[in-house]
Amino acid sequence: MINQASNKNYTHLITTPQECLPVNHDELLQDLRGSLDSIDNEICEGISRRLKIIKEIGEVKKEHNIPIMQNHRVDFVLDKAKSFGEMHNVNPQFLVRVFELFIEEACKIEDKVIEQEE
């Protein structure tokens, strides 16, 4: 004779290792967002450094009567961004769009530098 108690399903009592660990999702999100904030600061500092160098480039171009738009350089920068994306599993079109914005801003800065009276 089979014991009726042994036919009961106890699978609802089984837990996975992840369920045994207490997880505070708010703390986890806060930590992850803190990491993003740090990275965002690094990105902004890098952009600031980039723009300062662009101003220096504008001054060199002004001094030597070099045109602002250098198509070969634009192509090089965009190709480099695309390649980086492909090699690092980042959407290449996204990076190209970001660098197109950088190039647009660079042209504006160089225009201002070149138009300034000495």
PDB file of N, CA and C in Angstrom:
ATOM      1  N   MET A   1       0.828  -1.175   0.000  1.00  0.00           N
ATOM      2  CA  MET A   1       0.000   0.000   0.000  1.00  0.00           C
ATOM      3  C   MET A   1       0.883   1.254   0.000  1.00  0.00           C
ATOM      4  N   ILE A   2       0.542   2.231  -0.873  1.00  0.00           N
ATOM      5  CA  ILE A   2       1.318   3.462  -1.018  1.00  0.00           C
ATOM      6  C   ILE A   2       0.800   4.488  -0.041  1.00  0.00           C
ATOM      7  N   ASN A   3       1.727   5.115   0.619  1.00  0.00           N
ATOM      8  CA  ASN A   3       1.393   6.186   1.557  1.00  0.00           C
ATOM      9  C   ASN A   3       0.911   7.400   0.748  1.00  0.00           C
ATOM     10  N   GLN A   4      -0.304   7.879   1.056  1.00  0.00           N
ATOM     11  CA  GLN A   4      -0.893   9.006   0.331  1.00  0.00           C
ATOM     12  C   GLN A   4      -0.062  10.278   0.500  1.00  0.00           C
ATOM     13  N   ALA A   5       0.591  10.441   1.631  1.00  0.00           N
ATOM     14  CA  ALA A   5       1.392  11.641   1.862  1.00  0.00           C
ATOM     15  C   ALA A   5       2.558  11.727   0.887  1.00  0.00           C
ATOM     16  N   SER A   6       3.073  10.577   0.427  1.00  0.00           N
ATOM     17  CA  SER A   6       4.219  10.590  -0.480  1.00  0.00           C
ATOM     18  C   SER A   6       3.829  11.026  -1.886  1.00  0.00           C
ATOM     19  N   ASN A   7       2.542  11.063  -2.196  1.00  0.00           N
ATOM     20  CA  ASN A   7       2.085  11.500  -3.514  1.00  0.00           C
ATOM     21  C   ASN A   7       1.919  13.015  -3.611  1.00  0.00           C
ATOM     22  N   LYS A   8       2.111  13.749  -2.525  1.00  0.00           N
ATOM     23  CA  LYS A   8       1.943  15.208  -2.548  1.00  0.00           C
ATOM     24  C   LYS A   8       3.095  15.851  -3.321  1.00  0.00           C
ATOM     25  N   ASN A   9       2.793  16.967  -3.975  1.00  0.00           N
ATOM     26  CA  ASN A   9       3.787  17.693  -4.742  1.00  0.00           C
ATOM     27  C   ASN A   9       4.404  18.786  -3.871  1.00  0.00           C
ATOM     28  N   TYR A  10       5.710  18.678  -3.613  1.00  0.00           N
ATOM     29  CA  TYR A  10       6.407  19.646  -2.773  1.00  0.00           C
ATOM     30  C   TYR A  10       7.322  20.564  -3.589  1.00  0.00           C
ATOM     31  N   THR A  11       7.155  20.576  -4.902  1.00  0.00           N
ATOM     32  CA  THR A  11       8.051  21.379  -5.741  1.00  0.00           C
ATOM     33  C   THR A  11       7.934  22.867  -5.431  1.00  0.00           C
ATOM     34  N   HIS A  12       6.816  23.307  -4.894  1.00  0.00           N
ATOM     35  CA  HIS A  12       6.663  24.724  -4.560  1.00  0.00           C
ATOM     36  C   HIS A  12       7.566  25.130  -3.390  1.00  0.00           C
ATOM     37  N   LEU A  13       8.134  24.182  -2.692  1.00  0.00           N
ATOM     38  CA  LEU A  13       9.023  24.474  -1.581  1.00  0.00           C
ATOM     39  C   LEU A  13      10.482  24.566  -2.009  1.00  0.00           C
ATOM     40  N   ILE A  14      10.776  24.176  -3.245  1.00  0.00           N
ATOM     41  CA  ILE A  14      12.144  24.188  -3.738  1.00  0.00           C
ATOM     42  C   ILE A  14      12.486  25.600  -4.191  1.00  0.00           C
ATOM     43  N   THR A  15      13.635  26.085  -3.766  1.00  0.00           N
ATOM     44  CA  THR A  15      14.081  27.420  -4.168  1.00  0.00           C
ATOM     45  C   THR A  15      15.390  27.306  -4.922  1.00  0.00           C
ATOM     46  N   THR A  16      15.640  28.305  -5.752  1.00  0.00           N
ATOM     47  CA  THR A  16      16.912  28.371  -6.465  1.00  0.00           C
ATOM     48  C   THR A  16      17.899  29.125  -5.582  1.00  0.00           C
ATOM     49  N   PRO A  17      19.207  29.002  -5.839  1.00  0.00           N
ATOM     50  CA  PRO A  17      20.187  29.731  -5.034  1.00  0.00           C
ATOM     51  C   PRO A  17      19.947  31.240  -5.039  1.00  0.00           C
ATOM     52  N   GLN A  18      19.492  31.787  -6.179  1.00  0.00           N
ATOM     53  CA  GLN A  18      19.240  33.220  -6.250  1.00  0.00           C
ATOM     54  C   GLN A  18      18.115  33.640  -5.302  1.00  0.00           C
ATOM     55  N   GLU A  19      17.137  32.759  -5.114  1.00  0.00           N
ATOM     56  CA  GLU A  19      16.013  33.087  -4.235  1.00  0.00           C
ATOM     57  C   GLU A  19      16.422  33.063  -2.770  1.00  0.00           C
ATOM     58  N   CYS A  20      17.505  32.387  -2.450  1.00  0.00           N
ATOM     59  CA  CYS A  20      17.962  32.293  -1.073  1.00  0.00           C
ATOM     60  C   CYS A  20      18.699  33.556  -0.635  1.00  0.00           C
ATOM     61  N   LEU A  21      19.227  34.312  -1.596  1.00  0.00           N
ATOM     62  CA  LEU A  21      19.980  35.515  -1.267  1.00  0.00           C
ATOM     63  C   LEU A  21      19.047  36.707  -1.196  1.00  0.00           C
ATOM     64  N   PRO A  22      19.111  37.464  -0.116  1.00  0.00           N
ATOM     65  CA  PRO A  22      18.268  38.666  -0.054  1.00  0.00           C
ATOM     66  C   PRO A  22      18.795  39.718  -1.035  1.00  0.00           C
ATOM     67  N   VAL A  23      17.915  40.246  -1.861  1.00  0.00           N
ATOM     68  CA  VAL A  23      18.307  41.246  -2.845  1.00  0.00           C
ATOM     69  C   VAL A  23      17.454  42.480  -2.644  1.00  0.00           C
ATOM     70  N   ASN A  24      18.135  43.587  -2.484  1.00  0.00           N
ATOM     71  CA  ASN A  24      17.437  44.859  -2.410  1.00  0.00           C
ATOM     72  C   ASN A  24      17.610  45.520  -3.771  1.00  0.00           C
ATOM     73  N   HIS A  25      16.575  45.450  -4.589  1.00  0.00           N
ATOM     74  CA  HIS A  25      16.655  45.951  -5.960  1.00  0.00           C
ATOM     75  C   HIS A  25      16.912  47.450  -6.000  1.00  0.00           C
ATOM     76  N   ASP A  26      16.382  48.192  -5.021  1.00  0.00           N
ATOM     77  CA  ASP A  26      16.610  49.633  -4.996  1.00  0.00           C
ATOM     78  C   ASP A  26      18.091  49.937  -4.785  1.00  0.00           C
ATOM     79  N   GLU A  27      18.740  49.199  -3.889  1.00  0.00           N
ATOM     80  CA  GLU A  27      20.171  49.408  -3.661  1.00  0.00           C
ATOM     81  C   GLU A  27      20.980  49.039  -4.902  1.00  0.00           C
ATOM     82  N   LEU A  28      20.613  47.951  -5.536  1.00  0.00           N
ATOM     83  CA  LEU A  28      21.308  47.518  -6.745  1.00  0.00           C
ATOM     84  C   LEU A  28      21.184  48.571  -7.837  1.00  0.00           C
ATOM     85  N   LEU A  29      19.968  49.072  -8.042  1.00  0.00           N
ATOM     86  CA  LEU A  29      19.763  50.121  -9.049  1.00  0.00           C
ATOM     87  C   LEU A  29      20.546  51.375  -8.686  1.00  0.00           C
ATOM     88  N   GLN A  30      20.548  51.729  -7.422  1.00  0.00           N
ATOM     89  CA  GLN A  30      21.276  52.915  -6.978  1.00  0.00           C
ATOM     90  C   GLN A  30      22.775  52.752  -7.247  1.00  0.00           C
ATOM     91  N   ASP A  31      23.325  51.581  -6.956  1.00  0.00           N
ATOM     92  CA  ASP A  31      24.743  51.323  -7.230  1.00  0.00           C
ATOM     93  C   ASP A  31      25.042  51.400  -8.719  1.00  0.00           C
ATOM     94  N   LEU A  32      24.190  50.774  -9.529  1.00  0.00           N
ATOM     95  CA  LEU A  32      24.404  50.796 -10.975  1.00  0.00           C
ATOM     96  C   LEU A  32      24.296  52.209 -11.530  1.00  0.00           C
ATOM     97  N   ARG A  33      23.328  52.957 -11.039  1.00  0.00           N
ATOM     98  CA  ARG A  33      23.173  54.347 -11.503  1.00  0.00           C
ATOM     99  C   ARG A  33      24.334  55.212 -11.044  1.00  0.00           C
ATOM    100  N   GLY A  34      24.870  54.914  -9.877  1.00  0.00           N
ATOM    101  CA  GLY A  34      26.061  55.620  -9.420  1.00  0.00           C
ATOM    102  C   GLY A  34      27.234  55.373 -10.353  1.00  0.00           C
ATOM    103  N   SER A  35      27.360  54.136 -10.812  1.00  0.00           N
ATOM    104  CA  SER A  35      28.409  53.811 -11.783  1.00  0.00           C
ATOM    105  C   SER A  35      28.201  54.585 -13.083  1.00  0.00           C
ATOM    106  N   LEU A  36      26.943  54.647 -13.535  1.00  0.00           N
ATOM    107  CA  LEU A  36      26.646  55.421 -14.747  1.00  0.00           C
ATOM    108  C   LEU A  36      26.981  56.889 -14.548  1.00  0.00           C
ATOM    109  N   ASP A  37      26.663  57.432 -13.383  1.00  0.00           N
ATOM    110  CA  ASP A  37      26.964  58.844 -13.112  1.00  0.00           C
ATOM    111  C   ASP A  37      28.462  59.104 -13.194  1.00  0.00           C
ATOM    112  N   SER A  38      29.264  58.183 -12.673  1.00  0.00           N
ATOM    113  CA  SER A  38      30.723  58.335 -12.743  1.00  0.00           C
ATOM    114  C   SER A  38      31.197  58.305 -14.192  1.00  0.00           C
ATOM    115  N   ILE A  39      30.663  57.374 -14.966  1.00  0.00           N
ATOM    116  CA  ILE A  39      31.030  57.282 -16.379  1.00  0.00           C
ATOM    117  C   ILE A  39      30.594  58.534 -17.117  1.00  0.00           C
ATOM    118  N   ASP A  40      29.392  59.032 -16.819  1.00  0.00           N
ATOM    119  CA  ASP A  40      28.907  60.260 -17.460  1.00  0.00           C
ATOM    120  C   ASP A  40      29.847  61.429 -17.174  1.00  0.00           C
ATOM    121  N   ASN A  41      30.344  61.517 -15.938  1.00  0.00           N
ATOM    122  CA  ASN A  41      31.297  62.579 -15.596  1.00  0.00           C
ATOM    123  C   ASN A  41      32.573  62.440 -16.415  1.00  0.00           C
ATOM    124  N   GLU A  42      33.055  61.211 -16.565  1.00  0.00           N
ATOM    125  CA  GLU A  42      34.254  60.972 -17.373  1.00  0.00           C
ATOM    126  C   GLU A  42      34.014  61.377 -18.825  1.00  0.00           C
ATOM    127  N   ILE A  43      32.840  61.044 -19.336  1.00  0.00           N
ATOM    128  CA  ILE A  43      32.504  61.405 -20.720  1.00  0.00           C
ATOM    129  C   ILE A  43      32.491  62.924 -20.871  1.00  0.00           C
ATOM    130  N   CYS A  44      31.851  63.619 -19.945  1.00  0.00           N
ATOM    131  CA  CYS A  44      31.766  65.083 -20.022  1.00  0.00           C
ATOM    132  C   CYS A  44      33.148  65.725 -19.907  1.00  0.00           C
ATOM    133  N   GLU A  45      33.994  65.193 -19.024  1.00  0.00           N
ATOM    134  CA  GLU A  45      35.360  65.713 -18.908  1.00  0.00           C
ATOM    135  C   GLU A  45      36.135  65.477 -20.204  1.00  0.00           C
ATOM    136  N   GLY A  46      35.946  64.322 -20.813  1.00  0.00           N
ATOM    137  CA  GLY A  46      36.601  64.031 -22.090  1.00  0.00           C
ATOM    138  C   GLY A  46      36.125  64.962 -23.185  1.00  0.00           C
ATOM    139  N   ILE A  47      34.838  65.234 -23.214  1.00  0.00           N
ATOM    140  CA  ILE A  47      34.297  66.160 -24.212  1.00  0.00           C
ATOM    141  C   ILE A  47      34.874  67.553 -23.991  1.00  0.00           C
ATOM    142  N   SER A  48      34.978  67.968 -22.748  1.00  0.00           N
ATOM    143  CA  SER A  48      35.547  69.284 -22.445  1.00  0.00           C
ATOM    144  C   SER A  48      36.985  69.379 -22.943  1.00  0.00           C
ATOM    145  N   ARG A  49      37.778  68.342 -22.685  1.00  0.00           N
ATOM    146  CA  ARG A  49      39.166  68.323 -23.173  1.00  0.00           C
ATOM    147  C   ARG A  49      39.198  68.350 -24.698  1.00  0.00           C
ATOM    148  N   ARG A  50      38.295  67.606 -25.310  1.00  0.00           N
ATOM    149  CA  ARG A  50      38.234  67.542 -26.778  1.00  0.00           C
ATOM    150  C   ARG A  50      37.938  68.924 -27.358  1.00  0.00           C
ATOM    151  N   LEU A  51      36.990  69.642 -26.751  1.00  0.00           N
ATOM    152  CA  LEU A  51      36.611  70.957 -27.259  1.00  0.00           C
ATOM    153  C   LEU A  51      37.732  71.971 -27.090  1.00  0.00           C
ATOM    154  N   LYS A  52      38.505  71.868 -26.024  1.00  0.00           N
ATOM    155  CA  LYS A  52      39.654  72.769 -25.839  1.00  0.00           C
ATOM    156  C   LYS A  52      40.689  72.540 -26.943  1.00  0.00           C
ATOM    157  N   ILE A  53      40.922  71.279 -27.289  1.00  0.00           N
ATOM    158  CA  ILE A  53      41.874  70.966 -28.353  1.00  0.00           C
ATOM    159  C   ILE A  53      41.343  71.456 -29.694  1.00  0.00           C
ATOM    160  N   ILE A  54      40.043  71.348 -29.898  1.00  0.00           N
ATOM    161  CA  ILE A  54      39.446  71.839 -31.145  1.00  0.00           C
ATOM    162  C   ILE A  54      39.672  73.342 -31.285  1.00  0.00           C
ATOM    163  N   LYS A  55      39.567  74.063 -30.174  1.00  0.00           N
ATOM    164  CA  LYS A  55      39.819  75.510 -30.219  1.00  0.00           C
ATOM    165  C   LYS A  55      41.267  75.772 -30.642  1.00  0.00           C
ATOM    166  N   GLU A  56      42.204  74.992 -30.115  1.00  0.00           N
ATOM    167  CA  GLU A  56      43.612  75.132 -30.500  1.00  0.00           C
ATOM    168  C   GLU A  56      43.796  74.818 -31.983  1.00  0.00           C
ATOM    169  N   ILE A  57      43.106  73.784 -32.459  1.00  0.00           N
ATOM    170  CA  ILE A  57      43.172  73.445 -33.887  1.00  0.00           C
ATOM    171  C   ILE A  57      42.658  74.608 -34.721  1.00  0.00           C
ATOM    172  N   GLY A  58      41.567  75.229 -34.268  1.00  0.00           N
ATOM    173  CA  GLY A  58      41.027  76.385 -34.976  1.00  0.00           C
ATOM    174  C   GLY A  58      42.032  77.516 -35.057  1.00  0.00           C
ATOM    175  N   GLU A  59      42.786  77.723 -33.993  1.00  0.00           N
ATOM    176  CA  GLU A  59      43.799  78.780 -33.995  1.00  0.00           C
ATOM    177  C   GLU A  59      44.916  78.475 -34.989  1.00  0.00           C
ATOM    178  N   VAL A  60      45.327  77.209 -35.068  1.00  0.00           N
ATOM    179  CA  VAL A  60      46.350  76.807 -36.040  1.00  0.00           C
ATOM    180  C   VAL A  60      45.818  76.994 -37.456  1.00  0.00           C
ATOM    181  N   LYS A  61      44.578  76.597 -37.687  1.00  0.00           N
ATOM    182  CA  LYS A  61      43.986  76.748 -39.024  1.00  0.00           C
ATOM    183  C   LYS A  61      43.901  78.225 -39.406  1.00  0.00           C
ATOM    184  N   LYS A  62      43.539  79.068 -38.444  1.00  0.00           N
ATOM    185  CA  LYS A  62      43.445  80.508 -38.713  1.00  0.00           C
ATOM    186  C   LYS A  62      44.818  81.061 -39.070  1.00  0.00           C
ATOM    187  N   GLU A  63      45.819  80.698 -38.292  1.00  0.00           N
ATOM    188  CA  GLU A  63      47.174  81.211 -38.493  1.00  0.00           C
ATOM    189  C   GLU A  63      47.753  80.815 -39.845  1.00  0.00           C
ATOM    190  N   HIS A  64      47.380  79.633 -40.320  1.00  0.00           N
ATOM    191  CA  HIS A  64      47.962  79.116 -41.564  1.00  0.00           C
ATOM    192  C   HIS A  64      46.966  79.068 -42.724  1.00  0.00           C
ATOM    193  N   ASN A  65      45.839  79.757 -42.572  1.00  0.00           N
ATOM    194  CA  ASN A  65      44.813  79.812 -43.617  1.00  0.00           C
ATOM    195  C   ASN A  65      44.412  78.426 -44.119  1.00  0.00           C
ATOM    196  N   ILE A  66      44.148  77.527 -43.187  1.00  0.00           N
ATOM    197  CA  ILE A  66      43.713  76.171 -43.518  1.00  0.00           C
ATOM    198  C   ILE A  66      42.190  76.131 -43.426  1.00  0.00           C
ATOM    199  N   PRO A  67      41.506  75.568 -44.429  1.00  0.00           N
ATOM    200  CA  PRO A  67      40.040  75.493 -44.375  1.00  0.00           C
ATOM    201  C   PRO A  67      39.559  74.698 -43.151  1.00  0.00           C
ATOM    202  N   ILE A  68      38.424  75.102 -42.637  1.00  0.00           N
ATOM    203  CA  ILE A  68      37.855  74.413 -41.479  1.00  0.00           C
ATOM    204  C   ILE A  68      37.542  72.967 -41.820  1.00  0.00           C
ATOM    205  N   MET A  69      36.814  72.774 -42.903  1.00  0.00           N
ATOM    206  CA  MET A  69      36.371  71.426 -43.251  1.00  0.00           C
ATOM    207  C   MET A  69      37.495  70.653 -43.913  1.00  0.00           C
ATOM    208  N   GLN A  70      37.870  69.571 -43.281  1.00  0.00           N
ATOM    209  CA  GLN A  70      38.895  68.664 -43.790  1.00  0.00           C
ATOM    210  C   GLN A  70      38.225  67.307 -43.984  1.00  0.00           C
ATOM    211  N   ASN A  71      37.719  67.067 -45.196  1.00  0.00           N
ATOM    212  CA  ASN A  71      36.918  65.867 -45.450  1.00  0.00           C
ATOM    213  C   ASN A  71      37.645  64.570 -45.119  1.00  0.00           C
ATOM    214  N   HIS A  72      38.944  64.514 -45.406  1.00  0.00           N
ATOM    215  CA  HIS A  72      39.686  63.293 -45.102  1.00  0.00           C
ATOM    216  C   HIS A  72      39.717  63.021 -43.599  1.00  0.00           C
ATOM    217  N   ARG A  73      39.800  64.094 -42.798  1.00  0.00           N
ATOM    218  CA  ARG A  73      39.795  63.931 -41.335  1.00  0.00           C
ATOM    219  C   ARG A  73      38.413  63.509 -40.844  1.00  0.00           C
ATOM    220  N   VAL A  74      37.366  64.099 -41.395  1.00  0.00           N
ATOM    221  CA  VAL A  74      35.997  63.725 -41.027  1.00  0.00           C
ATOM    222  C   VAL A  74      35.773  62.246 -41.325  1.00  0.00           C
ATOM    223  N   ASP A  75      36.160  61.827 -42.525  1.00  0.00           N
ATOM    224  CA  ASP A  75      36.001  60.417 -42.898  1.00  0.00           C
ATOM    225  C   ASP A  75      36.775  59.503 -41.951  1.00  0.00           C
ATOM    226  N   PHE A  76      37.999  59.909 -41.604  1.00  0.00           N
ATOM    227  CA  PHE A  76      38.823  59.104 -40.703  1.00  0.00           C
ATOM    228  C   PHE A  76      38.153  58.948 -39.336  1.00  0.00           C
ATOM    229  N   VAL A  77      37.656  60.058 -38.774  1.00  0.00           N
ATOM    230  CA  VAL A  77      37.025  60.028 -37.447  1.00  0.00           C
ATOM    231  C   VAL A  77      35.768  59.166 -37.464  1.00  0.00           C
ATOM    232  N   LEU A  78      34.945  59.316 -38.492  1.00  0.00           N
ATOM    233  CA  LEU A  78      33.708  58.535 -38.568  1.00  0.00           C
ATOM    234  C   LEU A  78      33.993  57.055 -38.793  1.00  0.00           C
ATOM    235  N   ASP A  79      34.973  56.757 -39.631  1.00  0.00           N
ATOM    236  CA  ASP A  79      35.345  55.354 -39.849  1.00  0.00           C
ATOM    237  C   ASP A  79      35.893  54.730 -38.573  1.00  0.00           C
ATOM    238  N   LYS A  80      36.680  55.499 -37.832  1.00  0.00           N
ATOM    239  CA  LYS A  80      37.241  55.005 -36.570  1.00  0.00           C
ATOM    240  C   LYS A  80      36.125  54.725 -35.569  1.00  0.00           C
ATOM    241  N   ALA A  81      35.137  55.590 -35.493  1.00  0.00           N
ATOM    242  CA  ALA A  81      34.002  55.381 -34.580  1.00  0.00           C
ATOM    243  C   ALA A  81      33.224  54.128 -34.973  1.00  0.00           C
ATOM    244  N   LYS A  82      32.981  53.979 -36.263  1.00  0.00           N
ATOM    245  CA  LYS A  82      32.256  52.804 -36.751  1.00  0.00           C
ATOM    246  C   LYS A  82      33.017  51.520 -36.443  1.00  0.00           C
ATOM    247  N   SER A  83      34.305  51.513 -36.704  1.00  0.00           N
ATOM    248  CA  SER A  83      35.133  50.332 -36.432  1.00  0.00           C
ATOM    249  C   SER A  83      35.163  50.000 -34.948  1.00  0.00           C
ATOM    250  N   PHE A  84      35.263  51.021 -34.116  1.00  0.00           N
ATOM    251  CA  PHE A  84      35.263  50.791 -32.675  1.00  0.00           C
ATOM    252  C   PHE A  84      33.971  50.100 -32.262  1.00  0.00           C
ATOM    253  N   GLY A  85      32.852  50.596 -32.774  1.00  0.00           N
ATOM    254  CA  GLY A  85      31.565  49.993 -32.460  1.00  0.00           C
ATOM    255  C   GLY A  85      31.499  48.538 -32.874  1.00  0.00           C
ATOM    256  N   GLU A  86      31.970  48.259 -34.061  1.00  0.00           N
ATOM    257  CA  GLU A  86      31.946  46.877 -34.559  1.00  0.00           C
ATOM    258  C   GLU A  86      32.829  45.960 -33.708  1.00  0.00           C
ATOM    259  N   MET A  87      33.957  46.467 -33.257  1.00  0.00           N
ATOM    260  CA  MET A  87      34.889  45.641 -32.479  1.00  0.00           C
ATOM    261  C   MET A  87      34.487  45.489 -31.013  1.00  0.00           C
ATOM    262  N   HIS A  88      33.685  46.432 -30.507  1.00  0.00           N
ATOM    263  CA  HIS A  88      33.347  46.427 -29.079  1.00  0.00           C
ATOM    264  C   HIS A  88      31.858  46.213 -28.807  1.00  0.00           C
ATOM    265  N   ASN A  89      31.150  45.686 -29.779  1.00  0.00           N
ATOM    266  CA  ASN A  89      29.728  45.364 -29.613  1.00  0.00           C
ATOM    267  C   ASN A  89      28.900  46.579 -29.188  1.00  0.00           C
ATOM    268  N   VAL A  90      29.204  47.707 -29.823  1.00  0.00           N
ATOM    269  CA  VAL A  90      28.436  48.934 -29.630  1.00  0.00           C
ATOM    270  C   VAL A  90      27.861  49.285 -30.999  1.00  0.00           C
ATOM    271  N   ASN A  91      26.614  49.682 -31.034  1.00  0.00           N
ATOM    272  CA  ASN A  91      25.963  50.006 -32.299  1.00  0.00           C
ATOM    273  C   ASN A  91      26.811  51.023 -33.081  1.00  0.00           C
ATOM    274  N   PRO A  92      27.390  50.611 -34.215  1.00  0.00           N
ATOM    275  CA  PRO A  92      28.256  51.517 -34.977  1.00  0.00           C
ATOM    276  C   PRO A  92      27.539  52.783 -35.444  1.00  0.00           C
ATOM    277  N   GLN A  93      26.272  52.672 -35.839  1.00  0.00           N
ATOM    278  CA  GLN A  93      25.532  53.850 -36.291  1.00  0.00           C
ATOM    279  C   GLN A  93      25.346  54.852 -35.149  1.00  0.00           C
ATOM    280  N   PHE A  94      25.170  54.348 -33.945  1.00  0.00           N
ATOM    281  CA  PHE A  94      25.056  55.230 -32.775  1.00  0.00           C
ATOM    282  C   PHE A  94      26.342  56.035 -32.603  1.00  0.00           C
ATOM    283  N   LEU A  95      27.482  55.346 -32.639  1.00  0.00           N
ATOM    284  CA  LEU A  95      28.759  56.040 -32.461  1.00  0.00           C
ATOM    285  C   LEU A  95      29.015  57.027 -33.596  1.00  0.00           C
ATOM    286  N   VAL A  96      28.657  56.666 -34.809  1.00  0.00           N
ATOM    287  CA  VAL A  96      28.826  57.588 -35.929  1.00  0.00           C
ATOM    288  C   VAL A  96      27.994  58.847 -35.700  1.00  0.00           C
ATOM    289  N   ARG A  97      26.753  58.688 -35.233  1.00  0.00           N
ATOM    290  CA  ARG A  97      25.902  59.862 -34.960  1.00  0.00           C
ATOM    291  C   ARG A  97      26.505  60.739 -33.869  1.00  0.00           C
ATOM    292  N   VAL A  98      27.047  60.111 -32.822  1.00  0.00           N
ATOM    293  CA  VAL A  98      27.685  60.877 -31.742  1.00  0.00           C
ATOM    294  C   VAL A  98      28.845  61.687 -32.310  1.00  0.00           C
ATOM    295  N   PHE A  99      29.677  61.034 -33.120  1.00  0.00           N
ATOM    296  CA  PHE A  99      30.834  61.746 -33.657  1.00  0.00           C
ATOM    297  C   PHE A  99      30.447  62.771 -34.713  1.00  0.00           C
ATOM    298  N   GLU A 100      29.338  62.575 -35.390  1.00  0.00           N
ATOM    299  CA  GLU A 100      28.843  63.627 -36.287  1.00  0.00           C
ATOM    300  C   GLU A 100      28.486  64.874 -35.484  1.00  0.00           C
ATOM    301  N   LEU A 101      27.919  64.681 -34.299  1.00  0.00           N
ATOM    302  CA  LEU A 101      27.638  65.833 -33.424  1.00  0.00           C
ATOM    303  C   LEU A 101      28.930  66.509 -32.980  1.00  0.00           C
ATOM    304  N   PHE A 102      29.942  65.709 -32.635  1.00  0.00           N
ATOM    305  CA  PHE A 102      31.242  66.278 -32.263  1.00  0.00           C
ATOM    306  C   PHE A 102      31.807  67.111 -33.408  1.00  0.00           C
ATOM    307  N   ILE A 103      31.725  66.581 -34.612  1.00  0.00           N
ATOM    308  CA  ILE A 103      32.267  67.277 -35.783  1.00  0.00           C
ATOM    309  C   ILE A 103      31.494  68.569 -36.038  1.00  0.00           C
ATOM    310  N   GLU A 104      30.176  68.506 -35.906  1.00  0.00           N
ATOM    311  CA  GLU A 104      29.351  69.710 -36.086  1.00  0.00           C
ATOM    312  C   GLU A 104      29.756  70.793 -35.088  1.00  0.00           C
ATOM    313  N   GLU A 105      29.937  70.399 -33.833  1.00  0.00           N
ATOM    314  CA  GLU A 105      30.337  71.360 -32.800  1.00  0.00           C
ATOM    315  C   GLU A 105      31.750  71.872 -33.060  1.00  0.00           C
ATOM    316  N   ALA A 106      32.628  70.994 -33.529  1.00  0.00           N
ATOM    317  CA  ALA A 106      33.997  71.404 -33.843  1.00  0.00           C
ATOM    318  C   ALA A 106      34.002  72.485 -34.920  1.00  0.00           C
ATOM    319  N   CYS A 107      33.188  72.323 -35.936  1.00  0.00           N
ATOM    320  CA  CYS A 107      33.105  73.320 -37.004  1.00  0.00           C
ATOM    321  C   CYS A 107      32.621  74.663 -36.468  1.00  0.00           C
ATOM    322  N   LYS A 108      31.644  74.639 -35.576  1.00  0.00           N
ATOM    323  CA  LYS A 108      31.140  75.888 -34.974  1.00  0.00           C
ATOM    324  C   LYS A 108      32.241  76.576 -34.174  1.00  0.00           C
ATOM    325  N   ILE A 109      32.969  75.810 -33.386  1.00  0.00           N
ATOM    326  CA  ILE A 109      34.043  76.381 -32.569  1.00  0.00           C
ATOM    327  C   ILE A 109      35.141  76.947 -33.452  1.00  0.00           C
ATOM    328  N   GLU A 110      35.540  76.201 -34.460  1.00  0.00           N
ATOM    329  CA  GLU A 110      36.591  76.675 -35.360  1.00  0.00           C
ATOM    330  C   GLU A 110      36.145  77.918 -36.117  1.00  0.00           C
ATOM    331  N   ASP A 111      34.872  77.966 -36.519  1.00  0.00           N
ATOM    332  CA  ASP A 111      34.335  79.170 -37.169  1.00  0.00           C
ATOM    333  C   ASP A 111      34.501  80.384 -36.264  1.00  0.00           C
ATOM    334  N   LYS A 112      34.128  80.244 -34.993  1.00  0.00           N
ATOM    335  CA  LYS A 112      34.244  81.360 -34.046  1.00  0.00           C
ATOM    336  C   LYS A 112      35.692  81.802 -33.893  1.00  0.00           C
ATOM    337  N   VAL A 113      36.589  80.848 -33.780  1.00  0.00           N
ATOM    338  CA  VAL A 113      38.012  81.187 -33.614  1.00  0.00           C
ATOM    339  C   VAL A 113      38.523  81.940 -34.841  1.00  0.00           C
ATOM    340  N   ILE A 114      38.182  81.449 -36.015  1.00  0.00           N
ATOM    341  CA  ILE A 114      38.686  82.054 -37.241  1.00  0.00           C
ATOM    342  C   ILE A 114      38.083  83.440 -37.462  1.00  0.00           C
ATOM    343  N   GLU A 115      36.834  83.642 -37.048  1.00  0.00           N
ATOM    344  CA  GLU A 115      36.169  84.934 -37.236  1.00  0.00           C
ATOM    345  C   GLU A 115      36.621  85.976 -36.219  1.00  0.00           C
ATOM    346  N   GLN A 116      37.259  85.569 -35.141  1.00  0.00           N
ATOM    347  CA  GLN A 116      37.698  86.513 -34.114  1.00  0.00           C
ATOM    348  C   GLN A 116      38.776  87.435 -34.669  1.00  0.00           C
ATOM    349  N   GLU A 117      38.674  88.697 -34.280  1.00  0.00           N
ATOM    350  CA  GLU A 117      39.712  89.672 -34.629  1.00  0.00           C
ATOM    351  C   GLU A 117      40.902  89.437 -33.717  1.00  0.00           C
ATOM    352  N   GLU A 118      42.067  89.640 -34.253  1.00  0.00           N
ATOM    353  CA  GLU A 118      43.270  89.469 -33.444  1.00  0.00           C
ATOM    354  C   GLU A 118      43.535  90.666 -32.602  1.00  0.00           C
TER     355      GLU A 118
END
